[in-house]
Amino acid sequence: QTYDQLVAVSALGKVAVATWVKSMRAINAMHIGGW
Protein backbone atom coordinates (compact mmCIF):
# COMPACT_ATOMS: atom_id res chain seq x y z
CA GLN A 1 0.00 0.00 0.00
CA THR A 2 1.00 3.64 -0.52
CA TYR A 3 0.26 6.47 1.92
CA ASP A 4 -2.81 7.51 -0.08
CA GLN A 5 -4.18 3.96 -0.12
CA LEU A 6 -3.71 3.69 3.66
CA VAL A 7 -5.52 7.02 4.10
CA ALA A 8 -8.45 5.70 2.05
CA VAL A 9 -8.58 2.40 3.97
CA SER A 10 -8.38 3.93 7.43
CA ALA A 11 -10.30 7.20 6.90
CA LEU A 12 -7.56 8.98 8.85
CA GLY A 13 -5.68 12.08 7.75
CA LYS A 14 -2.33 11.93 5.97
CA VAL A 15 -0.46 13.19 9.02
CA ALA A 16 -1.98 10.52 11.26
CA VAL A 17 -1.16 7.78 8.74
CA ALA A 18 2.39 9.10 8.31
CA THR A 19 2.87 9.07 12.09
CA TRP A 20 1.56 5.50 12.29
CA VAL A 21 3.81 4.37 9.42
CA LYS A 22 6.82 5.97 11.12
CA SER A 23 6.07 4.16 14.39
CA MET A 24 5.56 0.80 12.63
CA ARG A 25 8.80 1.22 10.70
CA ALA A 26 10.62 2.07 13.94
CA ILE A 27 9.74 -1.35 15.37
CA ASN A 28 10.52 -3.07 12.03
CA ALA A 29 6.90 -4.11 11.45
CA MET A 30 6.84 -2.81 7.88
CA HIS A 31 9.25 -1.77 5.15
CA ILE A 32 9.41 -0.08 1.75
CA GLY A 33 8.93 -2.81 -0.82
CA GLY A 34 9.05 -0.60 -3.89
CA TRP A 35 8.52 2.84 -5.36
All heavy atoms as atom14 arrays in JSON, in Angstrom:
{
  "sequence": "QTYDQLVAVSALGKVAVATWVKSMRAINAMHIGGW",
  "atom14_mask": [
    [1, 1, 1, 1, 1, 1, 1, 1, 1, 0, 0, 0, 0, 0],
    [1, 1, 1, 1, 1, 1, 1, 0, 0, 0, 0, 0, 0, 0],
    [1, 1, 1, 1, 1, 1, 1, 1, 1, 1, 1, 1, 0, 0],
    [1, 1, 1, 1, 1, 1, 1, 1, 0, 0, 0, 0, 0, 0],
    [1, 1, 1, 1, 1, 1, 1, 1, 1, 0, 0, 0, 0, 0],
    [1, 1, 1, 1, 1, 1, 1, 1, 0, 0, 0, 0, 0, 0],
    [1, 1, 1, 1, 1, 1, 1, 0, 0, 0, 0, 0, 0, 0],
    [1, 1, 1, 1, 1, 0, 0, 0, 0, 0, 0, 0, 0, 0],
    [1, 1, 1, 1, 1, 1, 1, 0, 0, 0, 0, 0, 0, 0],
    [1, 1, 1, 1, 1, 1, 0, 0, 0, 0, 0, 0, 0, 0],
    [1, 1, 1, 1, 1, 0, 0, 0, 0, 0, 0, 0, 0, 0],
    [1, 1, 1, 1, 1, 1, 1, 1, 0, 0, 0, 0, 0, 0],
    [1, 1, 1, 1, 0, 0, 0, 0, 0, 0, 0, 0, 0, 0],
    [1, 1, 1, 1, 1, 1, 1, 1, 1, 0, 0, 0, 0, 0],
    [1, 1, 1, 1, 1, 1, 1, 0, 0, 0, 0, 0, 0, 0],
    [1, 1, 1, 1, 1, 0, 0, 0, 0, 0, 0, 0, 0, 0],
    [1, 1, 1, 1, 1, 1, 1, 0, 0, 0, 0, 0, 0, 0],
    [1, 1, 1, 1, 1, 0, 0, 0, 0, 0, 0, 0, 0, 0],
    [1, 1, 1, 1, 1, 1, 1, 0, 0, 0, 0, 0, 0, 0],
    [1, 1, 1, 1, 1, 1, 1, 1, 1, 1, 1, 1, 1, 1],
    [1, 1, 1, 1, 1, 1, 1, 0, 0, 0, 0, 0, 0, 0],
    [1, 1, 1, 1, 1, 1, 1, 1, 1, 0, 0, 0, 0, 0],
    [1, 1, 1, 1, 1, 1, 0, 0, 0, 0, 0, 0, 0, 0],
    [1, 1, 1, 1, 1, 1, 1, 1, 0, 0, 0, 0, 0, 0],
    [1, 1, 1, 1, 1, 1, 1, 1, 1, 1, 1, 0, 0, 0],
    [1, 1, 1, 1, 1, 0, 0, 0, 0, 0, 0, 0, 0, 0],
    [1, 1, 1, 1, 1, 1, 1, 1, 0, 0, 0, 0, 0, 0],
    [1, 1, 1, 1, 1, 1, 1, 1, 0, 0, 0, 0, 0, 0],
    [1, 1, 1, 1, 1, 0, 0, 0, 0, 0, 0, 0, 0, 0],
    [1, 1, 1, 1, 1, 1, 1, 1, 0, 0, 0, 0, 0, 0],
    [1, 1, 1, 1, 1, 1, 1, 1, 1, 1, 0, 0, 0, 0],
    [1, 1, 1, 1, 1, 1, 1, 1, 0, 0, 0, 0, 0, 0],
    [1, 1, 1, 1, 0, 0, 0, 0, 0, 0, 0, 0, 0, 0],
    [1, 1, 1, 1, 0, 0, 0, 0, 0, 0, 0, 0, 0, 0],
    [1, 1, 1, 1, 1, 1, 1, 1, 1, 1, 1, 1, 1, 1]
  ],
  "atom14_positions": [
    [[0.84, -1.21, 0.0], [0.0, 0.0, 0.0], [0.87, 1.26, 0.0], [1.95, 1.27, 0.58], [-0.88, 0.04, 1.25], [-1.76, -1.16, 1.47], [-3.0, -1.14, 0.61], [-3.59, -0.09, 0.39], [-3.38, -2.3, 0.1], [0.0, 0.0, 0.0], [0.0, 0.0, 0.0], [0.0, 0.0, 0.0], [0.0, 0.0, 0.0], [0.0, 0.0, 0.0]],
    [[0.36, 2.33, -0.6], [1.0, 3.64, -0.52], [0.34, 4.43, 0.62], [-0.66, 3.99, 1.19], [0.82, 4.43, -1.84], [-0.57, 4.67, -2.04], [1.41, 3.68, -3.02], [0.0, 0.0, 0.0], [0.0, 0.0, 0.0], [0.0, 0.0, 0.0], [0.0, 0.0, 0.0], [0.0, 0.0, 0.0], [0.0, 0.0, 0.0], [0.0, 0.0, 0.0]],
    [[0.88, 5.62, 0.9], [0.26, 6.47, 1.92], [-1.2, 6.76, 1.56], [-2.08, 6.67, 2.42], [1.0, 7.81, 2.03], [2.26, 7.78, 2.86], [3.49, 8.03, 2.27], [2.22, 7.54, 4.22], [4.65, 8.03, 3.02], [3.37, 7.52, 4.98], [4.59, 7.78, 4.38], [5.72, 7.76, 5.12], [0.0, 0.0, 0.0], [0.0, 0.0, 0.0]],
    [[-1.45, 7.15, 0.32], [-2.81, 7.51, -0.08], [-3.78, 6.32, 0.05], [-4.94, 6.5, 0.43], [-2.82, 8.04, -1.52], [-2.15, 9.4, -1.63], [-2.08, 10.12, -0.61], [-1.71, 9.76, -2.73], [0.0, 0.0, 0.0], [0.0, 0.0, 0.0], [0.0, 0.0, 0.0], [0.0, 0.0, 0.0], [0.0, 0.0, 0.0], [0.0, 0.0, 0.0]],
    [[-3.33, 5.14, -0.26], [-4.18, 3.96, -0.12], [-4.49, 3.69, 1.35], [-5.6, 3.32, 1.71], [-3.52, 2.75, -0.76], [-3.46, 2.84, -2.27], [-2.56, 1.79, -2.89], [-1.58, 1.35, -2.29], [-2.9, 1.37, -4.1], [0.0, 0.0, 0.0], [0.0, 0.0, 0.0], [0.0, 0.0, 0.0], [0.0, 0.0, 0.0], [0.0, 0.0, 0.0]],
    [[-3.49, 3.88, 2.23], [-3.71, 3.69, 3.66], [-4.68, 4.75, 4.21], [-5.49, 4.45, 5.09], [-2.39, 3.72, 4.42], [-1.48, 2.52, 4.2], [-0.12, 2.75, 4.86], [-2.12, 1.24, 4.71], [0.0, 0.0, 0.0], [0.0, 0.0, 0.0], [0.0, 0.0, 0.0], [0.0, 0.0, 0.0], [0.0, 0.0, 0.0], [0.0, 0.0, 0.0]],
    [[-4.59, 5.97, 3.7], [-5.52, 7.02, 4.1], [-6.94, 6.62, 3.72], [-7.88, 6.76, 4.51], [-5.13, 8.38, 3.47], [-6.25, 9.39, 3.6], [-3.85, 8.91, 4.1], [0.0, 0.0, 0.0], [0.0, 0.0, 0.0], [0.0, 0.0, 0.0], [0.0, 0.0, 0.0], [0.0, 0.0, 0.0], [0.0, 0.0, 0.0], [0.0, 0.0, 0.0]],
    [[-7.12, 6.1, 2.51], [-8.45, 5.7, 2.05], [-9.0, 4.53, 2.87], [-10.18, 4.5, 3.21], [-8.4, 5.32, 0.58], [0.0, 0.0, 0.0], [0.0, 0.0, 0.0], [0.0, 0.0, 0.0], [0.0, 0.0, 0.0], [0.0, 0.0, 0.0], [0.0, 0.0, 0.0], [0.0, 0.0, 0.0], [0.0, 0.0, 0.0], [0.0, 0.0, 0.0]],
    [[-8.14, 3.57, 3.21], [-8.58, 2.4, 3.97], [-8.98, 2.77, 5.39], [-9.98, 2.31, 5.92], [-7.46, 1.33, 4.0], [-7.72, 0.27, 5.04], [-7.31, 0.69, 2.63], [0.0, 0.0, 0.0], [0.0, 0.0, 0.0], [0.0, 0.0, 0.0], [0.0, 0.0, 0.0], [0.0, 0.0, 0.0], [0.0, 0.0, 0.0], [0.0, 0.0, 0.0]],
    [[-8.18, 3.64, 6.01], [-8.38, 3.93, 7.43], [-9.3, 5.1, 7.71], [-9.79, 5.25, 8.83], [-7.03, 4.22, 8.08], [-6.48, 5.42, 7.56], [0.0, 0.0, 0.0], [0.0, 0.0, 0.0], [0.0, 0.0, 0.0], [0.0, 0.0, 0.0], [0.0, 0.0, 0.0], [0.0, 0.0, 0.0], [0.0, 0.0, 0.0], [0.0, 0.0, 0.0]],
    [[-9.52, 5.97, 6.72], [-10.3, 7.2, 6.9], [-9.65, 8.15, 7.9], [-10.31, 8.96, 8.54], [-11.74, 6.89, 7.31], [0.0, 0.0, 0.0], [0.0, 0.0, 0.0], [0.0, 0.0, 0.0], [0.0, 0.0, 0.0], [0.0, 0.0, 0.0], [0.0, 0.0, 0.0], [0.0, 0.0, 0.0], [0.0, 0.0, 0.0], [0.0, 0.0, 0.0]],
    [[-8.33, 8.05, 8.04], [-7.56, 8.98, 8.85], [-6.94, 10.02, 7.94], [-6.9, 9.86, 6.72], [-6.45, 8.24, 9.6], [-6.87, 7.25, 10.68], [-5.67, 6.46, 11.17], [-7.52, 7.99, 11.84], [0.0, 0.0, 0.0], [0.0, 0.0, 0.0], [0.0, 0.0, 0.0], [0.0, 0.0, 0.0], [0.0, 0.0, 0.0], [0.0, 0.0, 0.0]],
    [[-6.39, 11.07, 8.52], [-5.68, 12.08, 7.75], [-4.28, 11.62, 7.38], [-3.76, 10.65, 7.94], [0.0, 0.0, 0.0], [0.0, 0.0, 0.0], [0.0, 0.0, 0.0], [0.0, 0.0, 0.0], [0.0, 0.0, 0.0], [0.0, 0.0, 0.0], [0.0, 0.0, 0.0], [0.0, 0.0, 0.0], [0.0, 0.0, 0.0], [0.0, 0.0, 0.0]],
    [[-3.67, 12.31, 6.43], [-2.33, 11.93, 5.97], [-1.29, 12.02, 7.08], [-0.41, 11.19, 7.17], [-1.9, 12.8, 4.79], [-2.59, 12.44, 3.5], [-2.02, 13.2, 2.34], [-2.7, 12.77, 1.05], [-2.09, 13.42, -0.12], [0.0, 0.0, 0.0], [0.0, 0.0, 0.0], [0.0, 0.0, 0.0], [0.0, 0.0, 0.0], [0.0, 0.0, 0.0]],
    [[-1.42, 13.03, 7.93], [-0.46, 13.19, 9.02], [-0.57, 12.04, 10.01], [0.44, 11.5, 10.46], [-0.66, 14.55, 9.73], [0.22, 14.66, 10.95], [-0.39, 15.7, 8.77], [0.0, 0.0, 0.0], [0.0, 0.0, 0.0], [0.0, 0.0, 0.0], [0.0, 0.0, 0.0], [0.0, 0.0, 0.0], [0.0, 0.0, 0.0], [0.0, 0.0, 0.0]],
    [[-1.79, 11.63, 10.33], [-1.98, 10.52, 11.26], [-1.44, 9.22, 10.67], [-0.78, 8.44, 11.37], [-3.47, 10.36, 11.59], [0.0, 0.0, 0.0], [0.0, 0.0, 0.0], [0.0, 0.0, 0.0], [0.0, 0.0, 0.0], [0.0, 0.0, 0.0], [0.0, 0.0, 0.0], [0.0, 0.0, 0.0], [0.0, 0.0, 0.0], [0.0, 0.0, 0.0]],
    [[-1.68, 8.99, 9.39], [-1.16, 7.78, 8.74], [0.37, 7.82, 8.68], [1.03, 6.82, 8.96], [-1.76, 7.6, 7.33], [-1.06, 6.5, 6.55], [-3.25, 7.29, 7.44], [0.0, 0.0, 0.0], [0.0, 0.0, 0.0], [0.0, 0.0, 0.0], [0.0, 0.0, 0.0], [0.0, 0.0, 0.0], [0.0, 0.0, 0.0], [0.0, 0.0, 0.0]],
    [[0.93, 8.97, 8.36], [2.39, 9.1, 8.31], [3.01, 8.84, 9.67], [4.06, 8.18, 9.77], [2.78, 10.48, 7.8], [0.0, 0.0, 0.0], [0.0, 0.0, 0.0], [0.0, 0.0, 0.0], [0.0, 0.0, 0.0], [0.0, 0.0, 0.0], [0.0, 0.0, 0.0], [0.0, 0.0, 0.0], [0.0, 0.0, 0.0], [0.0, 0.0, 0.0]],
    [[2.38, 9.32, 10.73], [2.87, 9.07, 12.09], [2.8, 7.58, 12.42], [3.74, 7.02, 13.0], [2.05, 9.88, 13.11], [2.15, 11.26, 12.76], [2.55, 9.66, 14.52], [0.0, 0.0, 0.0], [0.0, 0.0, 0.0], [0.0, 0.0, 0.0], [0.0, 0.0, 0.0], [0.0, 0.0, 0.0], [0.0, 0.0, 0.0], [0.0, 0.0, 0.0]],
    [[1.71, 6.94, 12.04], [1.56, 5.5, 12.29], [2.6, 4.7, 11.51], [3.22, 3.79, 12.06], [0.15, 5.05, 11.91], [-0.1, 3.61, 12.15], [-0.4, 3.02, 13.35], [-0.04, 2.55, 11.19], [-0.54, 1.67, 13.18], [-0.32, 1.35, 11.87], [0.23, 2.5, 9.84], [-0.34, 0.12, 11.22], [0.21, 1.28, 9.19], [-0.08, 0.11, 9.89]],
    [[2.81, 5.06, 10.25], [3.81, 4.37, 9.42], [5.19, 4.52, 10.05], [5.96, 3.55, 10.15], [3.79, 4.9, 7.97], [5.02, 4.44, 7.2], [2.53, 4.45, 7.26], [0.0, 0.0, 0.0], [0.0, 0.0, 0.0], [0.0, 0.0, 0.0], [0.0, 0.0, 0.0], [0.0, 0.0, 0.0], [0.0, 0.0, 0.0], [0.0, 0.0, 0.0]],
    [[5.51, 5.72, 10.49], [6.82, 5.97, 11.12], [6.99, 5.1, 12.36], [8.06, 4.52, 12.57], [6.95, 7.45, 11.47], [8.29, 7.81, 12.02], [8.37, 9.31, 12.27], [9.73, 9.69, 12.83], [9.83, 11.14, 13.08], [0.0, 0.0, 0.0], [0.0, 0.0, 0.0], [0.0, 0.0, 0.0], [0.0, 0.0, 0.0], [0.0, 0.0, 0.0]],
    [[5.96, 4.97, 13.17], [6.07, 4.16, 14.39], [6.18, 2.67, 14.05], [6.93, 1.94, 14.7], [4.9, 4.43, 15.33], [3.69, 4.01, 14.76], [0.0, 0.0, 0.0], [0.0, 0.0, 0.0], [0.0, 0.0, 0.0], [0.0, 0.0, 0.0], [0.0, 0.0, 0.0], [0.0, 0.0, 0.0], [0.0, 0.0, 0.0], [0.0, 0.0, 0.0]],
    [[5.47, 2.21, 13.04], [5.56, 0.8, 12.63], [6.93, 0.48, 12.04], [7.49, -0.58, 12.27], [4.46, 0.45, 11.63], [3.05, 0.47, 12.18], [2.78, -0.8, 13.45], [2.8, 0.2, 14.92], [0.0, 0.0, 0.0], [0.0, 0.0, 0.0], [0.0, 0.0, 0.0], [0.0, 0.0, 0.0], [0.0, 0.0, 0.0], [0.0, 0.0, 0.0]],
    [[7.47, 1.42, 11.28], [8.8, 1.22, 10.7], [9.88, 1.23, 11.79], [10.89, 0.54, 11.67], [9.08, 2.27, 9.64], [8.15, 2.06, 8.44], [8.55, 2.84, 7.24], [9.83, 2.34, 6.77], [10.74, 3.09, 6.2], [10.54, 4.36, 6.02], [11.87, 2.57, 5.79], [0.0, 0.0, 0.0], [0.0, 0.0, 0.0], [0.0, 0.0, 0.0]],
    [[9.65, 2.0, 12.85], [10.62, 2.07, 13.94], [10.76, 0.74, 14.66], [11.84, 0.4, 15.15], [10.23, 3.17, 14.93], [0.0, 0.0, 0.0], [0.0, 0.0, 0.0], [0.0, 0.0, 0.0], [0.0, 0.0, 0.0], [0.0, 0.0, 0.0], [0.0, 0.0, 0.0], [0.0, 0.0, 0.0], [0.0, 0.0, 0.0], [0.0, 0.0, 0.0]],
    [[9.67, -0.04, 14.71], [9.74, -1.35, 15.37], [9.92, -2.49, 14.36], [9.75, -3.65, 14.68], [8.5, -1.6, 16.26], [7.22, -1.6, 15.43], [8.44, -0.59, 17.4], [6.0, -2.07, 16.2], [0.0, 0.0, 0.0], [0.0, 0.0, 0.0], [0.0, 0.0, 0.0], [0.0, 0.0, 0.0], [0.0, 0.0, 0.0], [0.0, 0.0, 0.0]],
    [[10.24, -2.11, 13.11], [10.52, -3.07, 12.03], [9.31, -3.95, 11.71], [9.46, -5.12, 11.4], [11.76, -3.9, 12.35], [12.41, -4.46, 11.1], [12.23, -3.92, 10.01], [13.13, -5.54, 11.25], [0.0, 0.0, 0.0], [0.0, 0.0, 0.0], [0.0, 0.0, 0.0], [0.0, 0.0, 0.0], [0.0, 0.0, 0.0], [0.0, 0.0, 0.0]],
    [[8.12, -3.37, 11.77], [6.9, -4.11, 11.45], [6.54, -3.99, 9.98], [5.73, -4.75, 9.47], [5.75, -3.62, 12.3], [0.0, 0.0, 0.0], [0.0, 0.0, 0.0], [0.0, 0.0, 0.0], [0.0, 0.0, 0.0], [0.0, 0.0, 0.0], [0.0, 0.0, 0.0], [0.0, 0.0, 0.0], [0.0, 0.0, 0.0], [0.0, 0.0, 0.0]],
    [[7.11, -2.99, 9.3], [6.84, -2.81, 7.88], [8.06, -2.18, 7.21], [8.93, -1.64, 7.88], [5.59, -1.97, 7.64], [5.64, -0.58, 8.22], [4.06, 0.29, 8.22], [3.68, 0.42, 6.52], [0.0, 0.0, 0.0], [0.0, 0.0, 0.0], [0.0, 0.0, 0.0], [0.0, 0.0, 0.0], [0.0, 0.0, 0.0], [0.0, 0.0, 0.0]],
    [[8.12, -2.29, 5.89], [9.25, -1.77, 5.15], [8.81, -1.27, 3.78], [7.69, -1.53, 3.35], [10.34, -2.84, 5.0], [9.89, -4.03, 4.2], [9.09, -5.03, 4.73], [10.08, -4.36, 2.91], [8.84, -5.92, 3.8], [9.43, -5.55, 2.68], [0.0, 0.0, 0.0], [0.0, 0.0, 0.0], [0.0, 0.0, 0.0], [0.0, 0.0, 0.0]],
    [[9.7, -0.56, 3.1], [9.41, -0.08, 1.75], [9.75, -1.2, 0.79], [10.9, -1.62, 0.68], [10.22, 1.19, 1.42], [9.82, 2.32, 2.37], [10.0, 1.59, -0.04], [10.67, 3.57, 2.23], [0.0, 0.0, 0.0], [0.0, 0.0, 0.0], [0.0, 0.0, 0.0], [0.0, 0.0, 0.0], [0.0, 0.0, 0.0], [0.0, 0.0, 0.0]],
    [[8.74, -1.69, 0.09], [8.93, -2.81, -0.82], [9.11, -2.37, -2.26], [9.44, -3.18, -3.12], [0.0, 0.0, 0.0], [0.0, 0.0, 0.0], [0.0, 0.0, 0.0], [0.0, 0.0, 0.0], [0.0, 0.0, 0.0], [0.0, 0.0, 0.0], [0.0, 0.0, 0.0], [0.0, 0.0, 0.0], [0.0, 0.0, 0.0], [0.0, 0.0, 0.0]],
    [[8.89, -1.1, -2.53], [9.05, -0.6, -3.89], [8.71, 0.88, -3.95], [8.4, 1.49, -2.93], [0.0, 0.0, 0.0], [0.0, 0.0, 0.0], [0.0, 0.0, 0.0], [0.0, 0.0, 0.0], [0.0, 0.0, 0.0], [0.0, 0.0, 0.0], [0.0, 0.0, 0.0], [0.0, 0.0, 0.0], [0.0, 0.0, 0.0], [0.0, 0.0, 0.0]],
    [[8.79, 1.42, -5.16], [8.52, 2.84, -5.36], [7.58, 3.0, -6.54], [7.78, 2.43, -7.6], [9.82, 3.6, -5.62], [10.72, 3.59, -4.44], [11.68, 2.66, -4.14], [10.73, 4.52, -3.37], [12.28, 2.97, -2.95], [11.73, 4.12, -2.45], [10.0, 5.67, -3.09], [12.0, 4.81, -1.29], [10.29, 6.36, -1.92], [11.28, 5.93, -1.04]]
  ]
}
